[in-house]
């Protein structure tokens, strides 16, 4: 089984809990779809990914791209906190991130799967929401795994399945639940996993980090219908 995660954004406490939850559900390999950094000025998720060695494959997200090239509006630094994160980045971590590909295509027994941060047409910056039109996405793949929007869903379109794994660090649909996916590469079975976040306190976790108020307020969001299997944190 493969655990697919995205958009941790420096929230290493929740990231590690999600890894534990997916492992307990049978995941022995992982694919991370990018945005280990951004919003929360921390490189601890990068450290955790490096510690995982060959158990994880990583895809470059838009925040890693900004971290590497510095190309983003200066006025957004107070929200993105890229410069603050770069100040913490080691040479080894920078080299690690620079080696991440923009996409991953894999032929599994169940068929070909595409893994991207954004969308099949714009690997880093494309947005695919629960109500997005999927007719423009062509390609020789039966499964697409994405992140970037921080909103989780699974949708079928024609012969393809589109999976947005949501965010394992900063959910934007319902702040009570982090999100990831569990994927069986033999059968193609895929389900969303929503980790209940009662253990996580944004106020204490973000203390002294100068996290923008809009980021902390994500955890106050509520949504009536939650996609995925809700599991309690241990």
Protein backbone atom coordinates (compact mmCIF):
# COMPACT_ATOMS: atom_id res chain seq x y z
CA UNK A 1 0.00 0.00 0.00
CA UNK A 2 1.15 3.53 -0.79
CA UNK A 3 0.39 6.59 1.31
CA UNK A 4 0.05 9.76 -0.78
CA UNK A 5 0.40 13.09 1.03
CA UNK A 6 0.72 16.74 0.07
CA UNK A 7 0.97 20.27 1.40
CA UNK A 8 2.46 19.76 4.85
CA UNK A 9 3.70 23.37 4.86
CA UNK A 10 6.06 23.02 7.78
CA UNK A 11 3.50 21.43 10.09
CA UNK A 12 5.74 18.56 11.12
CA UNK A 13 3.64 17.53 14.12
CA UNK A 14 0.60 16.75 11.98
CA UNK A 15 2.75 15.39 9.13
CA UNK A 16 4.33 12.77 11.39
CA UNK A 17 0.95 11.81 12.88
CA UNK A 18 -0.43 11.30 9.39
CA UNK A 19 2.53 9.11 8.45
CA UNK A 20 1.88 7.01 11.54
CA UNK A 21 -1.82 6.72 10.71
CA UNK A 22 -1.17 5.64 7.12
CA UNK A 23 1.46 3.15 8.26
CA UNK A 24 -1.01 1.64 10.72
CA UNK A 25 -3.43 1.22 7.81
CA UNK A 26 -0.87 -0.73 5.79
CA UNK A 27 1.21 1.87 3.94
CA UNK A 28 4.84 0.87 3.57
CA UNK A 29 5.76 3.35 0.83
CA UNK A 30 4.90 7.01 0.42
CA UNK A 31 4.66 9.66 -2.27
CA UNK A 32 4.76 13.30 -1.19
CA UNK A 33 3.25 15.71 -3.72
CA UNK A 34 5.11 18.83 -2.66
CA UNK A 35 4.87 21.92 -0.47
CA UNK A 36 6.80 20.68 2.52
CA UNK A 37 7.51 24.36 3.22
CA UNK A 38 5.69 27.68 3.17
CA UNK A 39 3.33 29.57 5.49
CA UNK A 40 4.98 28.07 8.59
CA UNK A 41 8.70 29.03 8.66
CA UNK A 42 10.19 25.60 9.31
CA UNK A 43 12.32 23.00 7.54
CA UNK A 44 11.36 20.16 9.87
CA UNK A 45 9.15 18.41 7.30
CA UNK A 46 12.15 18.35 4.95
CA UNK A 47 14.17 16.77 7.74
CA UNK A 48 11.46 14.13 8.23
CA UNK A 49 11.33 13.37 4.50
CA UNK A 50 15.10 12.99 4.35
CA UNK A 51 14.97 10.59 7.28
CA UNK A 52 12.51 8.40 5.35
CA UNK A 53 15.12 7.57 2.72
CA UNK A 54 13.91 5.42 -0.17
CA UNK A 55 10.51 4.82 1.47
CA UNK A 56 9.33 8.14 0.01
CA UNK A 57 9.34 9.81 -3.40
CA UNK A 58 8.85 13.56 -3.51
CA UNK A 59 7.37 15.88 -6.15
CA UNK A 60 8.29 19.57 -6.43
CA UNK A 61 5.54 21.92 -5.27
CA UNK A 62 5.15 25.61 -6.01
CA UNK A 63 6.47 26.56 -2.57
CA UNK A 64 9.64 24.52 -3.09
CA UNK A 65 10.06 26.30 -6.43
CA UNK A 66 9.73 29.66 -4.69
CA UNK A 67 12.20 28.51 -2.06
CA UNK A 68 14.74 27.61 -4.74
CA UNK A 69 14.36 30.57 -7.11
CA UNK A 70 12.92 33.33 -4.91
CA UNK A 71 10.42 34.27 -7.62
CA UNK A 72 7.25 35.47 -5.90
CA UNK A 73 5.72 38.87 -5.01
CA UNK A 74 7.58 40.44 -2.09
CA UNK A 75 4.28 41.61 -0.61
CA UNK A 76 3.34 37.97 0.04
CA UNK A 77 6.33 37.21 2.27
CA UNK A 78 4.29 37.96 5.39
CA UNK A 79 2.01 35.06 4.40
CA UNK A 80 4.35 32.71 2.53
CA UNK A 81 7.35 33.10 4.89
CA UNK A 82 9.71 31.82 2.18
CA UNK A 83 12.65 34.05 3.11
CA UNK A 84 12.28 33.08 6.75
CA UNK A 85 12.32 29.42 5.74
CA UNK A 86 15.31 29.86 3.43
CA UNK A 87 17.27 31.26 6.37
CA UNK A 88 16.82 27.88 8.10
CA UNK A 89 17.64 25.76 5.05
CA UNK A 90 20.85 23.72 5.11
CA UNK A 91 22.96 23.03 2.03
CA UNK A 92 21.94 19.37 2.21
CA UNK A 93 18.24 20.24 2.39
CA UNK A 94 18.52 22.63 -0.56
CA UNK A 95 20.18 19.92 -2.65
CA UNK A 96 17.52 17.43 -1.57
CA UNK A 97 14.69 19.68 -2.74
CA UNK A 98 16.47 20.64 -5.96
CA UNK A 99 16.43 16.98 -6.95
CA UNK A 100 12.64 16.62 -6.80
CA UNK A 101 10.92 16.10 -10.18
CA UNK A 102 7.88 18.12 -11.25
CA UNK A 103 5.81 15.00 -11.88
CA UNK A 104 5.95 11.25 -11.57
CA UNK A 105 4.37 8.72 -13.95
CA UNK A 106 4.34 5.11 -12.79
CA UNK A 107 2.99 1.94 -14.42
CA UNK A 108 1.37 -0.17 -11.70
CA UNK A 109 -0.47 -3.49 -12.05
CA UNK A 110 -3.71 -1.47 -11.86
CA UNK A 111 -2.62 0.91 -14.64
CA UNK A 112 -0.63 4.08 -15.20
CA UNK A 113 -0.76 6.76 -12.51
CA UNK A 114 0.29 10.41 -12.70
CA UNK A 115 1.45 12.23 -9.56
CA UNK A 116 1.67 16.04 -9.61
CA UNK A 117 1.42 18.90 -7.17
CA UNK A 118 -1.01 21.01 -9.19
CA UNK A 119 -2.84 19.61 -12.21
CA UNK A 120 -2.15 17.42 -15.27
CA UNK A 121 -1.89 20.60 -17.39
CA UNK A 122 0.13 22.71 -14.95
CA UNK A 123 2.21 20.51 -12.70
CA UNK A 124 3.04 23.07 -10.02
CA UNK A 125 0.43 25.83 -10.15
CA UNK A 126 -2.75 24.28 -11.56
CA UNK A 127 -5.79 24.11 -9.29
CA UNK A 128 -8.26 21.22 -9.42
CA UNK A 129 -11.19 21.65 -7.03
CA UNK A 130 -14.07 19.32 -6.17
CA UNK A 131 -16.23 21.12 -8.78
CA UNK A 132 -13.56 21.72 -11.46
CA UNK A 133 -14.21 20.73 -15.08
CA UNK A 134 -12.15 17.61 -15.77
CA UNK A 135 -12.76 17.41 -19.52
CA UNK A 136 -9.55 19.27 -20.43
CA UNK A 137 -7.24 16.71 -18.87
CA UNK A 138 -5.94 14.20 -21.40
CA UNK A 139 -3.16 11.68 -21.05
CA UNK A 140 -2.28 8.01 -21.03
CA UNK A 141 -3.10 7.49 -17.37
CA UNK A 142 -5.98 6.02 -15.46
CA UNK A 143 -5.22 7.63 -12.10
CA UNK A 144 -4.20 11.18 -11.23
CA UNK A 145 -3.04 12.20 -7.75
CA UNK A 146 -2.85 15.93 -6.96
CA UNK A 147 -2.66 18.41 -4.10
CA UNK A 148 -2.22 22.21 -4.06
CA UNK A 149 -5.82 23.23 -3.29
CA UNK A 150 -5.81 21.76 0.24
CA UNK A 151 -9.27 20.37 -0.55
CA UNK A 152 -9.69 16.60 -0.77
CA UNK A 153 -11.87 14.68 -3.20
CA UNK A 154 -12.07 11.58 -5.40
CA UNK A 155 -13.87 11.93 -8.74
CA UNK A 156 -14.35 9.63 -11.71
CA UNK A 157 -14.34 11.09 -15.22
CA UNK A 158 -14.63 8.67 -18.10
CA UNK A 159 -12.06 5.94 -17.55
CA UNK A 160 -9.97 8.10 -15.21
CA UNK A 161 -9.99 8.66 -11.48
CA UNK A 162 -8.85 12.01 -10.13
CA UNK A 163 -7.70 12.14 -6.52
CA UNK A 164 -6.90 15.35 -4.72
CA UNK A 165 -5.30 14.17 -1.50
CA UNK A 166 -5.89 17.49 0.26
CA UNK A 167 -3.45 18.80 2.84
CA UNK A 168 -1.72 16.89 5.62
CA UNK A 169 -0.70 20.15 7.30
CA UNK A 170 -3.08 23.03 6.54
CA UNK A 171 -6.55 21.79 5.48
CA UNK A 172 -8.71 24.41 3.78
CA UNK A 173 -11.98 22.49 3.63
CA UNK A 174 -12.45 21.60 7.30
CA UNK A 175 -9.79 22.57 9.82
CA UNK A 176 -10.63 19.69 12.12
CA UNK A 177 -9.17 17.08 9.77
CA UNK A 178 -5.86 16.68 7.98
CA UNK A 179 -6.03 14.69 4.76
CA UNK A 180 -4.08 12.11 2.73
CA UNK A 181 -4.81 9.08 0.54
CA UNK A 182 -4.16 5.36 0.77
CA UNK A 183 -3.59 3.66 -2.59
CA UNK A 184 -3.37 -0.02 -3.52
CA UNK A 185 -1.23 -0.20 -6.69
CA UNK A 186 -2.41 -3.73 -7.48
CA UNK A 187 -6.17 -3.23 -7.38
CA UNK A 188 -6.26 0.54 -7.84
CA UNK A 189 -8.38 0.93 -4.72
CA UNK A 190 -8.00 4.44 -3.33
CA UNK A 191 -9.49 6.09 -0.27
CA UNK A 192 -9.10 9.40 1.47
CA UNK A 193 -7.98 9.37 5.08
CA UNK A 194 -8.96 12.27 7.35
CA UNK A 195 -6.99 12.54 10.57
CA UNK A 196 -8.84 14.17 13.45
CA UNK A 197 -6.75 17.07 14.83
CA UNK A 198 -7.88 17.47 18.44
CA UNK A 199 -4.23 16.95 19.48
CA UNK A 200 -3.08 20.00 17.52
CA UNK A 201 -3.26 23.50 19.02
CA UNK A 202 -2.37 26.20 16.47
CA UNK A 203 -1.84 28.89 19.11
CA UNK A 204 0.86 26.99 20.98
CA UNK A 205 2.34 25.33 17.89
CA UNK A 206 2.75 28.64 16.05
CA UNK A 207 3.93 30.64 19.07
CA UNK A 208 6.97 32.74 18.19
CA UNK A 209 6.93 31.75 14.50
CA UNK A 210 5.15 34.86 13.17
CA UNK A 211 2.62 32.78 11.24
CA UNK A 212 0.10 34.98 9.44
CA UNK A 213 -3.30 35.13 11.12
CA UNK A 214 -5.03 33.87 7.96
CA UNK A 215 -3.03 30.64 8.18
CA UNK A 216 -3.92 29.98 11.81
CA UNK A 217 -7.59 30.67 11.04
CA UNK A 218 -7.71 27.77 8.57
CA UNK A 219 -8.15 25.45 11.54
CA UNK A 220 -11.43 27.21 12.40
CA UNK A 221 -13.07 26.31 9.10
CA UNK A 222 -15.96 23.87 9.07
CA UNK A 223 -17.62 21.93 6.25
CA UNK A 224 -20.81 19.91 6.45
CA UNK A 225 -19.73 17.06 4.18
CA UNK A 226 -16.28 15.58 4.78
CA UNK A 227 -14.69 13.46 2.05
CA UNK A 228 -12.88 10.38 3.31
CA UNK A 229 -12.63 8.05 6.27
CA UNK A 230 -12.26 9.94 9.54
CA UNK A 231 -9.81 8.38 11.96
CA UNK A 232 -9.06 9.47 15.49
CA UNK A 233 -5.53 10.45 16.45
CA UNK A 234 -3.86 8.31 19.09
